[in-house]
PDB file of all heavy atoms in Angstrom:
ATOM      1  N   LYS A   1      -3.113 -37.443  71.481  1.00  0.00           N
ATOM      2  CA  LYS A   1      -4.075 -38.272  72.201  1.00  0.00           C
ATOM      3  C   LYS A   1      -4.458 -39.433  71.294  1.00  0.00           C
ATOM      4  O   LYS A   1      -4.596 -39.320  70.070  1.00  0.00           O
ATOM      5  CB  LYS A   1      -5.354 -37.477  72.467  1.00  0.00           C
ATOM      6  CG  LYS A   1      -5.165 -36.420  73.590  1.00  0.00           C
ATOM      7  CD  LYS A   1      -6.464 -35.608  73.777  1.00  0.00           C
ATOM      8  CE  LYS A   1      -7.568 -36.454  74.352  1.00  0.00           C
ATOM      9  NZ  LYS A   1      -8.784 -35.660  74.557  1.00  0.00           N
ATOM     10  N   VAL A   2      -4.562 -40.564  71.921  1.00  0.00           N
ATOM     11  CA  VAL A   2      -5.010 -41.782  71.236  1.00  0.00           C
ATOM     12  C   VAL A   2      -6.079 -42.471  72.123  1.00  0.00           C
ATOM     13  O   VAL A   2      -6.358 -41.988  73.187  1.00  0.00           O
ATOM     14  CB  VAL A   2      -3.874 -42.820  70.998  1.00  0.00           C
ATOM     15  CG1 VAL A   2      -2.823 -42.184  70.088  1.00  0.00           C
ATOM     16  CG2 VAL A   2      -3.142 -43.194  72.364  1.00  0.00           C
ATOM     17  N   ARG A   3      -6.724 -43.440  71.656  1.00  0.00           N
ATOM     18  CA  ARG A   3      -7.787 -44.116  72.389  1.00  0.00           C
ATOM     19  C   ARG A   3      -7.315 -44.576  73.773  1.00  0.00           C
ATOM     20  O   ARG A   3      -6.358 -45.398  73.843  1.00  0.00           O
ATOM     21  CB  ARG A   3      -8.353 -45.258  71.589  1.00  0.00           C
ATOM     22  CG  ARG A   3      -9.544 -45.887  72.215  1.00  0.00           C
ATOM     23  CD  ARG A   3     -10.093 -47.033  71.333  1.00  0.00           C
ATOM     24  NE  ARG A   3     -11.247 -47.729  71.936  1.00  0.00           N
ATOM     25  CZ  ARG A   3     -12.532 -47.239  71.820  1.00  0.00           C
ATOM     26  NH1 ARG A   3     -12.748 -46.182  71.151  1.00  0.00           N
ATOM     27  NH2 ARG A   3     -13.516 -47.905  72.373  1.00  0.00           N
ATOM     28  N   GLY A   4      -7.923 -44.034  74.764  1.00  0.00           N
ATOM     29  CA  GLY A   4      -7.501 -44.517  76.160  1.00  0.00           C
ATOM     30  C   GLY A   4      -6.348 -43.865  76.754  1.00  0.00           C
ATOM     31  O   GLY A   4      -6.022 -44.078  77.914  1.00  0.00           O
ATOM     32  N   GLY A   5      -5.642 -42.964  75.996  1.00  0.00           N
ATOM     33  CA  GLY A   5      -4.448 -42.339  76.614  1.00  0.00           C
ATOM     34  C   GLY A   5      -3.782 -41.360  75.663  1.00  0.00           C
ATOM     35  O   GLY A   5      -4.427 -40.668  74.904  1.00  0.00           O
ATOM     36  N   ALA A   6      -2.426 -41.330  75.776  1.00  0.00           N
ATOM     37  CA  ALA A   6      -1.655 -40.455  74.988  1.00  0.00           C
ATOM     38  C   ALA A   6      -0.325 -41.094  74.690  1.00  0.00           C
ATOM     39  O   ALA A   6       0.207 -41.894  75.492  1.00  0.00           O
ATOM     40  CB  ALA A   6      -1.488 -39.085  75.627  1.00  0.00           C
ATOM     41  N   THR A   7       0.299 -40.645  73.578  1.00  0.00           N
ATOM     42  CA  THR A   7       1.596 -41.198  73.247  1.00  0.00           C
ATOM     43  C   THR A   7       2.516 -40.103  72.696  1.00  0.00           C
ATOM     44  O   THR A   7       2.059 -39.046  72.244  1.00  0.00           O
ATOM     45  CB  THR A   7       1.504 -42.327  72.143  1.00  0.00           C
ATOM     46  OG1 THR A   7       2.793 -42.763  71.786  1.00  0.00           O
ATOM     47  CG2 THR A   7       0.842 -41.798  70.834  1.00  0.00           C
ATOM     48  N   ALA A   8       3.800 -40.244  72.851  1.00  0.00           N
ATOM     49  CA  ALA A   8       4.792 -39.345  72.280  1.00  0.00           C
ATOM     50  C   ALA A   8       5.356 -39.900  70.956  1.00  0.00           C
ATOM     51  O   ALA A   8       6.198 -39.223  70.300  1.00  0.00           O
ATOM     52  CB  ALA A   8       5.919 -39.134  73.236  1.00  0.00           C
ATOM     53  N   GLN A   9       4.908 -41.051  70.566  1.00  0.00           N
ATOM     54  CA  GLN A   9       5.386 -41.614  69.341  1.00  0.00           C
ATOM     55  C   GLN A   9       4.808 -40.876  68.098  1.00  0.00           C
ATOM     56  O   GLN A   9       3.639 -40.559  68.054  1.00  0.00           O
ATOM     57  CB  GLN A   9       4.951 -43.111  69.162  1.00  0.00           C
ATOM     58  CG  GLN A   9       5.622 -43.997  70.272  1.00  0.00           C
ATOM     59  CD  GLN A   9       7.129 -43.980  70.175  1.00  0.00           C
ATOM     60  OE1 GLN A   9       7.636 -43.933  69.100  1.00  0.00           O
ATOM     61  NE2 GLN A   9       7.803 -44.131  71.313  1.00  0.00           N
ATOM     62  N   PRO A  10       5.679 -40.562  67.123  1.00  0.00           N
ATOM     63  CA  PRO A  10       5.185 -39.840  65.953  1.00  0.00           C
ATOM     64  C   PRO A  10       4.172 -40.670  65.149  1.00  0.00           C
ATOM     65  O   PRO A  10       4.094 -41.885  65.207  1.00  0.00           O
ATOM     66  CB  PRO A  10       6.461 -39.698  65.080  1.00  0.00           C
ATOM     67  CG  PRO A  10       7.618 -39.858  66.069  1.00  0.00           C
ATOM     68  CD  PRO A  10       7.112 -40.870  67.122  1.00  0.00           C
ATOM     69  N   SER A  11       3.335 -39.940  64.382  1.00  0.00           N
ATOM     70  CA  SER A  11       2.346 -40.606  63.507  1.00  0.00           C
ATOM     71  C   SER A  11       2.430 -39.821  62.209  1.00  0.00           C
ATOM     72  O   SER A  11       3.219 -38.989  61.960  1.00  0.00           O
ATOM     73  CB  SER A  11       0.966 -40.553  64.121  1.00  0.00           C
ATOM     74  OG  SER A  11       0.506 -39.197  64.122  1.00  0.00           O
ATOM     75  N   THR A  12       1.512 -40.159  61.313  1.00  0.00           N
ATOM     76  CA  THR A  12       1.435 -39.420  60.073  1.00  0.00           C
ATOM     77  C   THR A  12       1.135 -37.926  60.217  1.00  0.00           C
ATOM     78  O   THR A  12       1.511 -37.139  59.374  1.00  0.00           O
ATOM     79  CB  THR A  12       0.399 -40.041  59.081  1.00  0.00           C
ATOM     80  OG1 THR A  12      -0.870 -40.025  59.707  1.00  0.00           O
ATOM     81  CG2 THR A  12       0.807 -41.481  58.676  1.00  0.00           C
ATOM     82  N   ALA A  13       0.466 -37.601  61.342  1.00  0.00           N
ATOM     83  CA  ALA A  13       0.066 -36.236  61.551  1.00  0.00           C
ATOM     84  C   ALA A  13       0.792 -35.570  62.709  1.00  0.00           C
ATOM     85  O   ALA A  13       0.790 -34.343  62.834  1.00  0.00           O
ATOM     86  CB  ALA A  13      -1.400 -36.152  61.811  1.00  0.00           C
ATOM     87  N   PHE A  14       1.517 -36.286  63.546  1.00  0.00           N
ATOM     88  CA  PHE A  14       2.203 -35.795  64.667  1.00  0.00           C
ATOM     89  C   PHE A  14       3.677 -36.197  64.613  1.00  0.00           C
ATOM     90  O   PHE A  14       4.007 -37.362  64.482  1.00  0.00           O
ATOM     91  CB  PHE A  14       1.598 -36.401  65.969  1.00  0.00           C
ATOM     92  CG  PHE A  14       2.335 -35.996  67.251  1.00  0.00           C
ATOM     93  CD1 PHE A  14       2.375 -34.699  67.678  1.00  0.00           C
ATOM     94  CD2 PHE A  14       3.029 -36.897  67.940  1.00  0.00           C
ATOM     95  CE1 PHE A  14       3.045 -34.331  68.846  1.00  0.00           C
ATOM     96  CE2 PHE A  14       3.718 -36.584  69.088  1.00  0.00           C
ATOM     97  CZ  PHE A  14       3.732 -35.307  69.539  1.00  0.00           C
ATOM     98  N   HIS A  15       4.562 -35.133  64.538  1.00  0.00           N
ATOM     99  CA  HIS A  15       5.954 -35.418  64.309  1.00  0.00           C
ATOM    100  C   HIS A  15       6.712 -35.802  65.511  1.00  0.00           C
ATOM    101  O   HIS A  15       7.863 -36.230  65.469  1.00  0.00           O
ATOM    102  CB  HIS A  15       6.653 -34.239  63.622  1.00  0.00           C
ATOM    103  CG  HIS A  15       6.522 -32.966  64.355  1.00  0.00           C
ATOM    104  ND1 HIS A  15       6.810 -32.825  65.688  1.00  0.00           N
ATOM    105  CD2 HIS A  15       6.146 -31.729  63.965  1.00  0.00           C
ATOM    106  CE1 HIS A  15       6.689 -31.599  66.064  1.00  0.00           C
ATOM    107  NE2 HIS A  15       6.240 -30.905  65.030  1.00  0.00           N
ATOM    108  N   GLY A  16       6.122 -35.770  66.708  1.00  0.00           N
ATOM    109  CA  GLY A  16       6.804 -36.080  67.941  1.00  0.00           C
ATOM    110  C   GLY A  16       7.650 -34.918  68.501  1.00  0.00           C
ATOM    111  O   GLY A  16       7.828 -33.895  67.794  1.00  0.00           O
ATOM    112  N   ASP A  17       8.087 -35.040  69.739  1.00  0.00           N
ATOM    113  CA  ASP A  17       8.905 -33.944  70.275  1.00  0.00           C
ATOM    114  C   ASP A  17      10.318 -34.081  69.776  1.00  0.00           C
ATOM    115  O   ASP A  17      10.645 -34.996  68.969  1.00  0.00           O
ATOM    116  CB  ASP A  17       8.874 -34.016  71.805  1.00  0.00           C
ATOM    117  CG  ASP A  17       9.694 -35.114  72.385  1.00  0.00           C
ATOM    118  OD1 ASP A  17       9.939 -36.098  71.677  1.00  0.00           O
ATOM    119  OD2 ASP A  17      10.134 -35.028  73.554  1.00  0.00           O
ATOM    120  N   VAL A  18      11.147 -33.111  70.100  1.00  0.00           N
ATOM    121  CA  VAL A  18      12.479 -33.014  69.544  1.00  0.00           C
ATOM    122  C   VAL A  18      13.320 -34.287  69.724  1.00  0.00           C
ATOM    123  O   VAL A  18      14.001 -34.743  68.826  1.00  0.00           O
ATOM    124  CB  VAL A  18      13.260 -31.807  70.093  1.00  0.00           C
ATOM    125  CG1 VAL A  18      14.722 -31.835  69.688  1.00  0.00           C
ATOM    126  CG2 VAL A  18      12.605 -30.525  69.625  1.00  0.00           C
ATOM    127  N   ARG A  19      13.207 -34.905  70.884  1.00  0.00           N
ATOM    128  CA  ARG A  19      13.970 -36.114  71.156  1.00  0.00           C
ATOM    129  C   ARG A  19      13.616 -37.244  70.245  1.00  0.00           C
ATOM    130  O   ARG A  19      14.464 -37.921  69.660  1.00  0.00           O
ATOM    131  CB  ARG A  19      13.787 -36.552  72.636  1.00  0.00           C
ATOM    132  CG  ARG A  19      14.669 -37.712  72.982  1.00  0.00           C
ATOM    133  CD  ARG A  19      14.696 -38.012  74.483  1.00  0.00           C
ATOM    134  NE  ARG A  19      13.406 -38.540  74.935  1.00  0.00           N
ATOM    135  CZ  ARG A  19      13.185 -38.931  76.175  1.00  0.00           C
ATOM    136  NH1 ARG A  19      14.099 -38.727  77.140  1.00  0.00           N
ATOM    137  NH2 ARG A  19      12.014 -39.383  76.531  1.00  0.00           N
ATOM    138  N   HIS A  20      12.276 -37.444  70.015  1.00  0.00           N
ATOM    139  CA  HIS A  20      11.878 -38.512  69.107  1.00  0.00           C
ATOM    140  C   HIS A  20      12.310 -38.158  67.689  1.00  0.00           C
ATOM    141  O   HIS A  20      12.685 -39.075  66.898  1.00  0.00           O
ATOM    142  CB  HIS A  20      10.321 -38.703  69.189  1.00  0.00           C
ATOM    143  CG  HIS A  20       9.915 -39.462  70.414  1.00  0.00           C
ATOM    144  ND1 HIS A  20       9.652 -38.864  71.633  1.00  0.00           N
ATOM    145  CD2 HIS A  20       9.752 -40.782  70.577  1.00  0.00           C
ATOM    146  CE1 HIS A  20       9.281 -39.802  72.437  1.00  0.00           C
ATOM    147  NE2 HIS A  20       9.398 -40.989  71.907  1.00  0.00           N
ATOM    148  N   ARG A  21      12.153 -36.934  67.303  1.00  0.00           N
ATOM    149  CA  ARG A  21      12.543 -36.538  65.972  1.00  0.00           C
ATOM    150  C   ARG A  21      14.007 -36.765  65.714  1.00  0.00           C
ATOM    151  O   ARG A  21      14.395 -37.220  64.606  1.00  0.00           O
ATOM    152  CB  ARG A  21      12.127 -35.086  65.676  1.00  0.00           C
ATOM    153  CG  ARG A  21      10.676 -34.824  65.581  1.00  0.00           C
ATOM    154  CD  ARG A  21      10.341 -33.383  65.856  1.00  0.00           C
ATOM    155  NE  ARG A  21      11.085 -32.462  65.011  1.00  0.00           N
ATOM    156  CZ  ARG A  21      11.294 -31.203  65.276  1.00  0.00           C
ATOM    157  NH1 ARG A  21      10.859 -30.662  66.427  1.00  0.00           N
ATOM    158  NH2 ARG A  21      12.017 -30.451  64.428  1.00  0.00           N
ATOM    159  N   THR A  22      14.827 -36.458  66.686  1.00  0.00           N
ATOM    160  CA  THR A  22      16.245 -36.614  66.530  1.00  0.00           C
ATOM    161  C   THR A  22      16.642 -38.066  66.390  1.00  0.00           C
ATOM    162  O   THR A  22      17.592 -38.402  65.598  1.00  0.00           O
ATOM    163  CB  THR A  22      17.000 -36.013  67.768  1.00  0.00           C
ATOM    164  OG1 THR A  22      16.667 -34.648  67.889  1.00  0.00           O
ATOM    165  CG2 THR A  22      18.508 -36.085  67.618  1.00  0.00           C
ATOM    166  N   GLN A  23      15.924 -38.946  67.001  1.00  0.00           N
ATOM    167  CA  GLN A  23      16.213 -40.357  66.964  1.00  0.00           C
ATOM    168  C   GLN A  23      15.632 -41.098  65.730  1.00  0.00           C
ATOM    169  O   GLN A  23      15.907 -42.250  65.537  1.00  0.00           O
ATOM    170  CB  GLN A  23      15.702 -41.028  68.255  1.00  0.00           C
ATOM    171  CG  GLN A  23      16.382 -40.581  69.486  1.00  0.00           C
ATOM    172  CD  GLN A  23      15.706 -41.035  70.781  1.00  0.00           C
ATOM    173  OE1 GLN A  23      14.632 -41.647  70.717  1.00  0.00           O
ATOM    174  NE2 GLN A  23      16.368 -40.890  71.887  1.00  0.00           N
ATOM    175  N   ALA A  24      14.843 -40.395  64.934  1.00  0.00           N
ATOM    176  CA  ALA A  24      14.197 -41.024  63.774  1.00  0.00           C
ATOM    177  C   ALA A  24      14.978 -40.777  62.504  1.00  0.00           C
ATOM    178  O   ALA A  24      15.590 -39.728  62.298  1.00  0.00           O
ATOM    179  CB  ALA A  24      12.807 -40.438  63.632  1.00  0.00           C
ATOM    180  N   MET A  25      15.068 -41.771  61.658  1.00  0.00           N
ATOM    181  CA  MET A  25      15.653 -41.689  60.290  1.00  0.00           C
ATOM    182  C   MET A  25      17.130 -41.139  60.401  1.00  0.00           C
ATOM    183  O   MET A  25      17.532 -40.318  59.596  1.00  0.00           O
ATOM    184  CB  MET A  25      14.823 -40.773  59.422  1.00  0.00           C
ATOM    185  CG  MET A  25      13.455 -41.275  59.158  1.00  0.00           C
ATOM    186  SD  MET A  25      13.445 -42.702  58.019  1.00  0.00           S
ATOM    187  CE  MET A  25      12.508 -43.810  59.104  1.00  0.00           C
ATOM    188  N   VAL A  26      17.839 -41.663  61.341  1.00  0.00           N
ATOM    189  CA  VAL A  26      19.222 -41.113  61.590  1.00  0.00           C
ATOM    190  C   VAL A  26      20.114 -41.385  60.387  1.00  0.00           C
ATOM    191  O   VAL A  26      20.829 -40.446  59.942  1.00  0.00           O
ATOM    192  CB  VAL A  26      19.819 -41.785  62.851  1.00  0.00           C
ATOM    193  CG1 VAL A  26      21.272 -41.423  63.015  1.00  0.00           C
ATOM    194  CG2 VAL A  26      19.034 -41.416  64.071  1.00  0.00           C
ATOM    195  N   ALA A  27      20.074 -42.556  59.780  1.00  0.00           N
ATOM    196  CA  ALA A  27      20.949 -42.876  58.664  1.00  0.00           C
ATOM    197  C   ALA A  27      20.559 -42.028  57.432  1.00  0.00           C
ATOM    198  O   ALA A  27      21.427 -41.467  56.724  1.00  0.00           O
ATOM    199  CB  ALA A  27      20.828 -44.344  58.292  1.00  0.00           C
ATOM    200  N   GLN A  28      19.262 -41.819  57.246  1.00  0.00           N
ATOM    201  CA  GLN A  28      18.793 -41.033  56.119  1.00  0.00           C
ATOM    202  C   GLN A  28      19.234 -39.553  56.275  1.00  0.00           C
ATOM    203  O   GLN A  28      19.637 -38.895  55.323  1.00  0.00           O
ATOM    204  CB  GLN A  28      17.302 -41.167  55.951  1.00  0.00           C
ATOM    205  CG  GLN A  28      16.835 -42.514  55.440  1.00  0.00           C
ATOM    206  CD  GLN A  28      16.715 -43.539  56.510  1.00  0.00           C
ATOM    207  OE1 GLN A  28      17.033 -43.285  57.660  1.00  0.00           O
ATOM    208  NE2 GLN A  28      16.224 -44.705  56.168  1.00  0.00           N
ATOM    209  N   LYS A  29      19.050 -39.058  57.493  1.00  0.00           N
ATOM    210  CA  LYS A  29      19.387 -37.649  57.759  1.00  0.00           C
ATOM    211  C   LYS A  29      20.958 -37.415  57.545  1.00  0.00           C
ATOM    212  O   LYS A  29      21.362 -36.374  57.094  1.00  0.00           O
ATOM    213  CB  LYS A  29      19.011 -37.189  59.182  1.00  0.00           C
ATOM    214  CG  LYS A  29      17.465 -37.116  59.339  1.00  0.00           C
ATOM    215  CD  LYS A  29      17.127 -36.857  60.774  1.00  0.00           C
ATOM    216  CE  LYS A  29      15.615 -36.749  60.907  1.00  0.00           C
ATOM    217  NZ  LYS A  29      15.166 -36.687  62.312  1.00  0.00           N
ATOM    218  N   SER A  30      21.709 -38.458  57.915  1.00  0.00           N
ATOM    219  CA  SER A  30      23.167 -38.334  57.703  1.00  0.00           C
ATOM    220  C   SER A  30      23.470 -38.269  56.194  1.00  0.00           C
ATOM    221  O   SER A  30      24.311 -37.516  55.749  1.00  0.00           O
ATOM    222  CB  SER A  30      23.877 -39.552  58.294  1.00  0.00           C
ATOM    223  OG  SER A  30      25.273 -39.512  58.113  1.00  0.00           O
ATOM    224  N   MET A  31      22.769 -39.048  55.396  1.00  0.00           N
ATOM    225  CA  MET A  31      22.956 -38.951  53.947  1.00  0.00           C
ATOM    226  C   MET A  31      22.599 -37.627  53.437  1.00  0.00           C
ATOM    227  O   MET A  31      23.318 -37.025  52.602  1.00  0.00           O
ATOM    228  CB  MET A  31      22.115 -40.045  53.288  1.00  0.00           C
ATOM    229  CG  MET A  31      22.695 -41.448  53.329  1.00  0.00           C
ATOM    230  SD  MET A  31      21.811 -42.554  52.225  1.00  0.00           S
ATOM    231  CE  MET A  31      20.309 -42.846  53.177  1.00  0.00           C
ATOM    232  N   LEU A  32      21.463 -37.064  53.853  1.00  0.00           N
ATOM    233  CA  LEU A  32      21.034 -35.745  53.471  1.00  0.00           C
ATOM    234  C   LEU A  32      22.026 -34.700  53.816  1.00  0.00           C
ATOM    235  O   LEU A  32      22.361 -33.769  53.015  1.00  0.00           O
ATOM    236  CB  LEU A  32      19.683 -35.390  54.058  1.00  0.00           C
ATOM    237  CG  LEU A  32      18.476 -36.299  53.700  1.00  0.00           C
ATOM    238  CD1 LEU A  32      17.278 -35.853  54.505  1.00  0.00           C
ATOM    239  CD2 LEU A  32      18.177 -36.308  52.205  1.00  0.00           C
ATOM    240  N   ALA A  33      22.590 -34.803  55.018  1.00  0.00           N
ATOM    241  CA  ALA A  33      23.592 -33.833  55.510  1.00  0.00           C
ATOM    242  C   ALA A  33      24.845 -33.815  54.666  1.00  0.00           C
ATOM    243  O   ALA A  33      25.374 -32.770  54.318  1.00  0.00           O
ATOM    244  CB  ALA A  33      23.870 -34.092  56.990  1.00  0.00           C
ATOM    245  N   ARG A  34      25.367 -35.008  54.382  1.00  0.00           N
ATOM    246  CA  ARG A  34      26.601 -35.102  53.597  1.00  0.00           C
ATOM    247  C   ARG A  34      26.396 -34.508  52.168  1.00  0.00           C
ATOM    248  O   ARG A  34      27.269 -33.856  51.614  1.00  0.00           O
ATOM    249  CB  ARG A  34      27.056 -36.519  53.503  1.00  0.00           C
ATOM    250  CG  ARG A  34      27.607 -37.067  54.825  1.00  0.00           C
ATOM    251  CD  ARG A  34      28.354 -38.352  54.647  1.00  0.00           C
ATOM    252  NE  ARG A  34      27.570 -39.426  54.079  1.00  0.00           N
ATOM    253  CZ  ARG A  34      26.855 -40.252  54.786  1.00  0.00           C
ATOM    254  NH1 ARG A  34      26.774 -40.171  56.075  1.00  0.00           N
ATOM    255  NH2 ARG A  34      26.137 -41.232  54.174  1.00  0.00           N
ATOM    256  N   ALA A  35      25.179 -34.770  51.611  1.00  0.00           N
ATOM    257  CA  ALA A  35      24.908 -34.165  50.282  1.00  0.00           C
ATOM    258  C   ALA A  35      24.806 -32.686  50.378  1.00  0.00           C
ATOM    259  O   ALA A  35      25.252 -31.922  49.498  1.00  0.00           O
ATOM    260  CB  ALA A  35      23.582 -34.811  49.774  1.00  0.00           C
ATOM    261  N   ALA A  36      24.148 -32.154  51.424  1.00  0.00           N
ATOM    262  CA  ALA A  36      23.960 -30.708  51.627  1.00  0.00           C
ATOM    263  C   ALA A  36      25.261 -29.993  51.807  1.00  0.00           C
ATOM    264  O   ALA A  36      25.411 -28.883  51.369  1.00  0.00           O
ATOM    265  CB  ALA A  36      23.030 -30.471  52.794  1.00  0.00           C
ATOM    266  N   LEU A  37      26.216 -30.667  52.478  1.00  0.00           N
ATOM    267  CA  LEU A  37      27.511 -29.993  52.764  1.00  0.00           C
ATOM    268  C   LEU A  37      28.248 -29.646  51.500  1.00  0.00           C
ATOM    269  O   LEU A  37      28.979 -28.649  51.530  1.00  0.00           O
ATOM    270  CB  LEU A  37      28.373 -30.990  53.588  1.00  0.00           C
ATOM    271  CG  LEU A  37      29.691 -30.412  54.100  1.00  0.00           C
ATOM    272  CD1 LEU A  37      29.452 -29.296  55.077  1.00  0.00           C
ATOM    273  CD2 LEU A  37      30.579 -31.470  54.759  1.00  0.00           C
ATOM    274  N   THR A  38      28.041 -30.288  50.406  1.00  0.00           N
ATOM    275  CA  THR A  38      28.727 -29.977  49.162  1.00  0.00           C
ATOM    276  C   THR A  38      28.318 -28.624  48.577  1.00  0.00           C
ATOM    277  O   THR A  38      29.005 -28.079  47.731  1.00  0.00           O
ATOM    278  CB  THR A  38      28.432 -31.090  48.081  1.00  0.00           C
ATOM    279  OG1 THR A  38      27.023 -31.078  47.759  1.00  0.00           O
ATOM    280  CG2 THR A  38      28.833 -32.406  48.554  1.00  0.00           C
ATOM    281  N   PHE A  39      27.212 -28.077  49.128  1.00  0.00           N
ATOM    282  CA  PHE A  39      26.714 -26.797  48.670  1.00  0.00           C
ATOM    283  C   PHE A  39      27.188 -25.668  49.579  1.00  0.00           C
ATOM    284  O   PHE A  39      26.812 -24.452  49.363  1.00  0.00           O
ATOM    285  CB  PHE A  39      25.231 -26.764  48.523  1.00  0.00           C
ATOM    286  CG  PHE A  39      24.753 -27.729  47.524  1.00  0.00           C
ATOM    287  CD1 PHE A  39      24.343 -29.010  47.840  1.00  0.00           C
ATOM    288  CD2 PHE A  39      24.663 -27.408  46.133  1.00  0.00           C
ATOM    289  CE1 PHE A  39      23.889 -29.951  46.926  1.00  0.00           C
ATOM    290  CE2 PHE A  39      24.260 -28.308  45.221  1.00  0.00           C
ATOM    291  CZ  PHE A  39      23.855 -29.597  45.595  1.00  0.00           C
ATOM    292  N   VAL A  40      27.883 -25.957  50.609  1.00  0.00           N
ATOM    293  CA  VAL A  40      28.404 -24.944  51.606  1.00  0.00           C
ATOM    294  C   VAL A  40      29.831 -24.599  51.266  1.00  0.00           C
ATOM    295  O   VAL A  40      30.678 -25.420  51.071  1.00  0.00           O
ATOM    296  CB  VAL A  40      28.337 -25.484  53.027  1.00  0.00           C
ATOM    297  CG1 VAL A  40      28.846 -24.467  54.006  1.00  0.00           C
ATOM    298  CG2 VAL A  40      26.926 -25.894  53.387  1.00  0.00           C
TER     299      VAL A  40
END
């Protein structure tokens, strides 16, 4: 909830639903994934 309505956009306290989370920080998550794969 925000003033006057509601939003699905993430904030510092609300991470958003799965679709918004998946679309956020895509390049950074790809970097993390490639680094993590070396431990598998």
